[in-house]
Amino acid sequence: MDERSALGLIAEHLDPAGDDAAVVDGLVVTIDMLHESTDFPTGTTRYTAGWRAVGASLSDVAAMGGEATAAVAVYGAPTFEGEAITAFVDGARDVCAAVDGAYVGGDLDEHDEFTAATAAVGRADDPVLRSGASPGDIVCVTGTLGRSAAALGFFDAGEHDRANDLFRFEPRVAAGRALAPYASAMMDSSDGLARSLHQLAEASDVGFAVESPLPIDDALVEITDPEERQELAVSFGEDFELVCTIPEEKLDAAREASPTELTAIGQVTDDGAVALDGEPLPDQGYTHGESG
């Protein structure tokens, strides 16, 4: 059973499941786990790992239109090395500070490979769910796509400084809060644009007609040909941008409000299909447990 099948099984037994985070009386709660073998390529510093691991949970808060409050992490490794642990904590603390949150601690545990389990909490009195998109809404993304795919290319090439810089994304908490009054549906793109669109389509019972050009990161353009970069930008995932739908009459106001560039990439349809440039867009993306 793959991750999506397992999540579907859980959703059958837990009614509130299905969004990026749980919201209980305005409290946003989310948890994630990342492993060295699948999430941290060779050359990833512990500082970057701390930033990225905690950032992944903060991104879930952003996707709900929430304000980030605090985060904690479990650091697991075969051995405890002081410099590595403090670097991880520094990264976790700095990514929290970048979104006006606080890193407030966690736990240590022995594990057969370096693993980080992280949790974040925030506040959202009127959270944005995945289920509110309507035909005619405009589908948008923040920032650029393919940043993490480019990072992996630089890791593979041994350009570790460049790769670590690309891997330290800024969680879109400020953008999520700014877009919340305008967005009808929203989630983050951690599993890739294609999979995010399919998940939004399923949750909202709609379809999507997306058109090129997409906002592809300059770093990915630098190291790929056009066909490869389009595929990676759509399906690689791990970019942690926001994918949202906005009623057309609110789009200009949403763009003005967002502190991060917001690009319209298509429209919500009523046929249930997800298409890119008129062709079916397969439900492909990052799957936890598979090496990137």
Protein backbone atom coordinates (compact mmCIF):
# COMPACT_ATOMS: atom_id res chain seq x y z
CA MET A 1 0.00 0.00 0.00
CA ASP A 2 1.45 3.39 -1.00
CA GLU A 3 1.13 6.63 0.96
CA ARG A 4 -1.95 7.90 -0.88
CA SER A 5 -3.79 4.60 -0.38
CA ALA A 6 -2.91 4.65 3.31
CA LEU A 7 -4.16 8.23 3.64
CA GLY A 8 -7.39 7.26 1.88
CA LEU A 9 -7.86 4.41 4.33
CA ILE A 10 -7.37 6.76 7.26
CA ALA A 11 -9.84 9.25 5.77
CA GLU A 12 -12.51 6.53 5.70
CA HIS A 13 -12.17 6.18 9.47
CA LEU A 14 -11.52 9.81 10.41
CA ASP A 15 -14.01 12.34 9.08
CA PRO A 16 -11.90 15.54 9.49
CA ALA A 17 -8.94 14.11 7.54
CA GLY A 18 -8.02 15.50 4.12
CA ASP A 19 -6.60 19.01 4.43
CA ASP A 20 -3.00 20.12 4.92
CA ALA A 21 -3.56 20.49 8.66
CA ALA A 22 -6.23 19.88 11.27
CA VAL A 23 -8.09 22.87 12.70
CA VAL A 24 -9.67 22.60 16.15
CA ASP A 25 -11.40 25.70 17.51
CA GLY A 26 -9.10 27.90 15.45
CA LEU A 27 -5.94 26.00 16.41
CA VAL A 28 -4.03 24.66 13.39
CA VAL A 29 -2.07 21.45 14.06
CA THR A 30 0.14 19.48 11.69
CA ILE A 31 2.93 16.89 11.84
CA ASP A 32 5.51 15.53 9.36
CA MET A 33 8.40 13.07 9.18
CA LEU A 34 11.46 13.23 6.92
CA HIS A 35 14.23 10.64 6.48
CA GLU A 36 17.81 10.89 5.32
CA SER A 37 17.43 8.21 2.65
CA THR A 38 14.39 9.79 0.98
CA ASP A 39 14.38 13.48 1.89
CA PHE A 40 17.96 14.68 2.52
CA PRO A 41 20.37 14.05 -0.39
CA THR A 42 24.07 13.57 0.25
CA GLY A 43 25.51 16.99 1.01
CA THR A 44 22.49 18.31 2.90
CA THR A 45 23.76 20.13 5.99
CA ARG A 46 22.08 19.60 9.35
CA TYR A 47 21.25 23.31 9.34
CA THR A 48 19.38 22.89 6.05
CA ALA A 49 17.73 19.71 7.37
CA GLY A 50 16.43 21.55 10.43
CA TRP A 51 15.18 24.43 8.32
CA ARG A 52 13.54 22.16 5.73
CA ALA A 53 11.98 19.70 8.16
CA VAL A 54 10.34 22.35 10.31
CA GLY A 55 9.54 24.40 7.22
CA ALA A 56 7.50 21.51 5.82
CA SER A 57 5.18 21.66 8.83
CA LEU A 58 5.01 25.45 8.74
CA SER A 59 4.01 25.18 5.07
CA ASP A 60 0.93 23.19 6.13
CA VAL A 61 -0.05 26.04 8.44
CA ALA A 62 0.41 28.43 5.52
CA ALA A 63 -1.86 26.31 3.32
CA MET A 64 -4.72 26.76 5.79
CA GLY A 65 -4.26 30.53 5.75
CA GLY A 66 -3.00 30.34 9.32
CA GLU A 67 -0.67 32.37 11.46
CA ALA A 68 2.37 30.37 12.60
CA THR A 69 2.78 30.13 16.37
CA ALA A 70 5.37 27.50 17.22
CA ALA A 71 7.09 24.30 16.12
CA VAL A 72 8.81 21.32 17.76
CA ALA A 73 10.92 18.49 16.33
CA VAL A 74 12.18 15.03 17.13
CA TYR A 75 15.80 14.50 16.07
CA GLY A 76 16.65 10.85 15.53
CA ALA A 77 20.08 9.55 14.53
CA PRO A 78 22.37 6.53 15.03
CA THR A 79 24.69 8.70 17.14
CA PHE A 80 24.40 12.14 18.74
CA GLU A 81 26.99 14.64 17.59
CA GLY A 82 26.89 18.02 19.26
CA GLU A 83 27.72 20.11 16.22
CA ALA A 84 25.12 18.36 14.07
CA ILE A 85 22.39 18.73 16.70
CA THR A 86 23.04 22.42 17.28
CA ALA A 87 23.13 23.07 13.52
CA PHE A 88 19.76 21.34 13.16
CA VAL A 89 18.28 23.42 15.98
CA ASP A 90 19.69 26.61 14.47
CA GLY A 91 18.01 25.81 11.15
CA ALA A 92 14.72 25.00 12.86
CA ARG A 93 14.87 28.19 14.91
CA ASP A 94 15.73 30.37 11.92
CA VAL A 95 12.92 29.08 9.68
CA CYS A 96 10.45 29.72 12.50
CA ALA A 97 11.78 33.24 12.92
CA ALA A 98 11.38 33.82 9.18
CA VAL A 99 7.61 33.37 9.56
CA ASP A 100 7.27 35.13 12.94
CA GLY A 101 6.94 31.85 14.83
CA ALA A 102 9.04 30.24 17.54
CA TYR A 103 10.96 26.99 17.72
CA VAL A 104 10.24 25.75 21.24
CA GLY A 105 12.09 22.44 21.53
CA GLY A 106 11.51 18.77 20.93
CA ASP A 107 13.06 15.38 21.63
CA LEU A 108 16.09 13.23 20.84
CA ASP A 109 15.95 9.56 19.94
CA GLU A 110 18.29 6.91 18.59
CA HIS A 111 17.37 5.77 15.09
CA ASP A 112 19.03 3.68 12.39
CA GLU A 113 19.11 6.67 10.01
CA PHE A 114 18.88 10.41 10.48
CA THR A 115 15.17 11.21 10.79
CA ALA A 116 13.28 14.34 11.77
CA ALA A 117 9.67 14.37 12.92
CA THR A 118 8.25 17.87 13.19
CA ALA A 119 5.02 19.45 14.34
CA ALA A 120 3.74 23.00 14.02
CA VAL A 121 0.81 24.87 15.51
CA GLY A 122 -0.83 28.08 14.40
CA ARG A 123 -4.08 30.03 14.42
CA ALA A 124 -6.74 30.32 11.71
CA ASP A 125 -10.18 31.57 12.71
CA ASP A 126 -11.43 31.14 9.13
CA PRO A 127 -9.23 28.42 7.58
CA VAL A 128 -9.07 27.87 3.83
CA LEU A 129 -9.93 24.27 2.94
CA ARG A 130 -9.28 22.26 -0.20
CA SER A 131 -12.99 21.82 -0.83
CA GLY A 132 -14.18 25.32 -1.77
CA ALA A 133 -13.16 25.70 -5.42
CA SER A 134 -15.95 26.52 -7.90
CA PRO A 135 -16.08 26.45 -11.71
CA GLY A 136 -14.89 29.78 -13.08
CA ASP A 137 -12.41 30.41 -10.28
CA ILE A 138 -8.83 31.14 -11.32
CA VAL A 139 -6.14 28.69 -10.19
CA CYS A 140 -2.91 30.35 -9.04
CA VAL A 141 0.45 29.46 -7.56
CA THR A 142 2.82 31.49 -5.44
CA GLY A 143 6.50 31.86 -6.27
CA THR A 144 8.13 29.43 -8.70
CA LEU A 145 8.04 25.72 -9.43
CA GLY A 146 11.03 23.39 -9.64
CA ARG A 147 13.27 24.88 -6.97
CA SER A 148 13.73 21.57 -5.16
CA ALA A 149 14.21 19.68 -8.41
CA ALA A 150 17.00 22.11 -9.24
CA ALA A 151 18.49 21.61 -5.79
CA LEU A 152 18.64 17.87 -6.36
CA GLY A 153 20.47 18.47 -9.63
CA PHE A 154 23.06 20.60 -7.85
CA PHE A 155 23.42 18.00 -5.06
CA ASP A 156 24.06 15.34 -7.72
CA ALA A 157 26.65 17.61 -9.35
CA GLY A 158 28.46 18.10 -6.04
CA GLU A 159 27.55 21.80 -5.86
CA HIS A 160 26.41 21.47 -2.28
CA ASP A 161 26.43 25.13 -1.27
CA ARG A 162 24.11 26.07 -4.14
CA ALA A 163 21.93 23.04 -3.47
CA ASN A 164 21.56 23.78 0.24
CA ASP A 165 20.61 27.36 -0.53
CA LEU A 166 17.84 26.20 -2.87
CA PHE A 167 16.65 23.58 -0.37
CA ARG A 168 16.00 26.24 2.30
CA PHE A 169 12.61 27.47 1.09
CA GLU A 170 10.59 30.16 2.85
CA PRO A 171 7.24 28.78 4.09
CA ARG A 172 4.48 30.90 2.54
CA VAL A 173 2.84 31.79 5.84
CA ALA A 174 2.60 35.51 5.07
CA ALA A 175 1.21 34.80 1.61
CA GLY A 176 -1.27 32.28 3.01
CA ARG A 177 -2.58 34.80 5.52
CA ALA A 178 -2.82 37.49 2.85
CA LEU A 179 -4.63 35.20 0.39
CA ALA A 180 -7.03 33.68 2.92
CA PRO A 181 -9.72 36.38 2.53
CA TYR A 182 -9.77 35.82 -1.25
CA ALA A 183 -9.04 32.12 -1.82
CA SER A 184 -11.87 29.63 -2.20
CA ALA A 185 -9.52 26.64 -1.82
CA MET A 186 -5.82 26.25 -1.04
CA MET A 187 -3.09 23.72 -0.32
CA ASP A 188 0.68 23.55 -0.57
CA SER A 189 2.55 21.97 -3.48
CA SER A 190 4.72 19.61 -1.43
CA ASP A 191 3.65 16.67 -3.62
CA GLY A 192 3.93 18.64 -6.87
CA LEU A 193 1.60 20.83 -8.90
CA ALA A 194 -0.01 17.94 -10.77
CA ARG A 195 -0.88 15.99 -7.65
CA SER A 196 -2.04 19.14 -5.86
CA LEU A 197 -4.46 19.89 -8.69
CA HIS A 198 -5.82 16.35 -8.59
CA GLN A 199 -6.27 16.56 -4.81
CA LEU A 200 -8.04 19.91 -5.06
CA ALA A 201 -10.20 18.58 -7.90
CA GLU A 202 -11.24 15.59 -5.81
CA ALA A 203 -11.92 17.63 -2.67
CA SER A 204 -13.94 20.30 -4.51
CA ASP A 205 -15.53 18.00 -7.13
CA VAL A 206 -14.22 20.16 -9.99
CA GLY A 207 -11.65 20.04 -12.77
CA PHE A 208 -8.78 22.27 -13.88
CA ALA A 209 -7.66 23.62 -17.24
CA VAL A 210 -4.06 24.80 -16.79
CA GLU A 211 -2.02 26.55 -19.48
CA SER A 212 1.67 27.17 -20.09
CA PRO A 213 3.87 29.03 -19.44
CA LEU A 214 4.21 28.03 -15.81
CA PRO A 215 6.37 30.03 -13.37
CA ILE A 216 9.47 27.82 -13.47
CA ASP A 217 12.39 28.64 -11.19
CA ASP A 218 15.46 30.13 -12.88
CA ALA A 219 17.71 27.53 -11.22
CA LEU A 220 15.81 24.73 -12.94
CA VAL A 221 15.99 26.55 -16.28
CA GLU A 222 19.74 26.75 -15.79
CA ILE A 223 20.29 22.98 -15.64
CA THR A 224 17.53 21.42 -17.79
CA ASP A 225 16.14 21.42 -21.32
CA PRO A 226 12.59 22.75 -21.90
CA GLU A 227 10.82 19.39 -21.95
CA GLU A 228 12.54 18.09 -18.83
CA ARG A 229 12.05 21.30 -16.85
CA GLN A 230 8.31 21.36 -17.58
CA GLU A 231 7.96 17.78 -16.35
CA LEU A 232 10.00 18.44 -13.20
CA ALA A 233 8.18 21.69 -12.46
CA VAL A 234 4.83 19.93 -12.70
CA SER A 235 5.54 16.63 -10.99
CA PHE A 236 8.71 16.66 -8.88
CA GLY A 237 7.17 18.38 -5.87
CA GLU A 238 8.76 19.49 -2.61
CA ASP A 239 8.55 23.18 -3.58
CA PHE A 240 6.13 24.12 -0.76
CA GLU A 241 4.46 26.86 -2.75
CA LEU A 242 0.74 27.54 -2.38
CA VAL A 243 -1.75 26.35 -4.98
CA CYS A 244 -5.05 28.19 -4.62
CA THR A 245 -8.27 29.05 -6.41
CA ILE A 246 -9.60 32.59 -6.40
CA PRO A 247 -12.87 33.97 -7.80
CA GLU A 248 -11.98 35.97 -10.91
CA GLU A 249 -13.38 39.22 -9.55
CA LYS A 250 -11.07 38.95 -6.51
CA LEU A 251 -7.87 38.12 -8.39
CA ASP A 252 -6.49 41.66 -8.69
CA ALA A 253 -7.04 42.33 -4.99
CA ALA A 254 -5.42 39.01 -4.06
CA ARG A 255 -2.36 39.79 -6.17
CA GLU A 256 -2.05 43.19 -4.56
CA ALA A 257 -2.38 41.71 -1.07
CA SER A 258 0.12 38.86 -1.52
CA PRO A 259 3.72 39.55 -0.44
CA THR A 260 4.80 36.75 -2.79
CA GLU A 261 4.29 36.87 -6.54
CA LEU A 262 1.03 35.18 -7.50
CA THR A 263 0.71 33.67 -10.99
CA ALA A 264 -2.58 32.69 -12.59
CA ILE A 265 -2.07 29.40 -14.43
CA GLY A 266 -5.59 28.37 -15.42
CA GLN A 267 -9.22 28.05 -14.51
CA VAL A 268 -11.49 25.77 -12.52
CA THR A 269 -13.85 23.73 -14.71
CA ASP A 270 -16.94 21.65 -14.02
CA ASP A 271 -15.94 18.47 -15.90
CA GLY A 272 -13.73 16.86 -13.23
CA ALA A 273 -10.75 16.55 -15.60
CA VAL A 274 -7.28 17.97 -14.91
CA ALA A 275 -5.55 19.15 -18.07
CA LEU A 276 -2.38 21.04 -19.04
CA ASP A 277 -2.39 22.77 -22.42
CA GLY A 278 -5.46 20.78 -23.42
CA GLU A 279 -3.93 17.37 -22.62
CA PRO A 280 -4.76 15.19 -19.59
CA LEU A 281 -2.34 15.87 -16.72
CA PRO A 282 -1.51 12.58 -14.94
CA ASP A 283 -1.80 12.38 -11.17
CA GLN A 284 1.95 12.09 -10.63
CA GLY A 285 4.11 13.62 -7.92
CA TYR A 286 6.27 13.10 -4.91
CA THR A 287 5.44 10.02 -2.83
CA HIS A 288 6.85 9.67 0.68
CA GLY A 289 8.86 6.53 1.05
CA GLU A 290 10.29 6.81 -2.47
CA SER A 291 13.70 8.29 -3.08
CA GLY A 292 13.63 11.65 -4.86
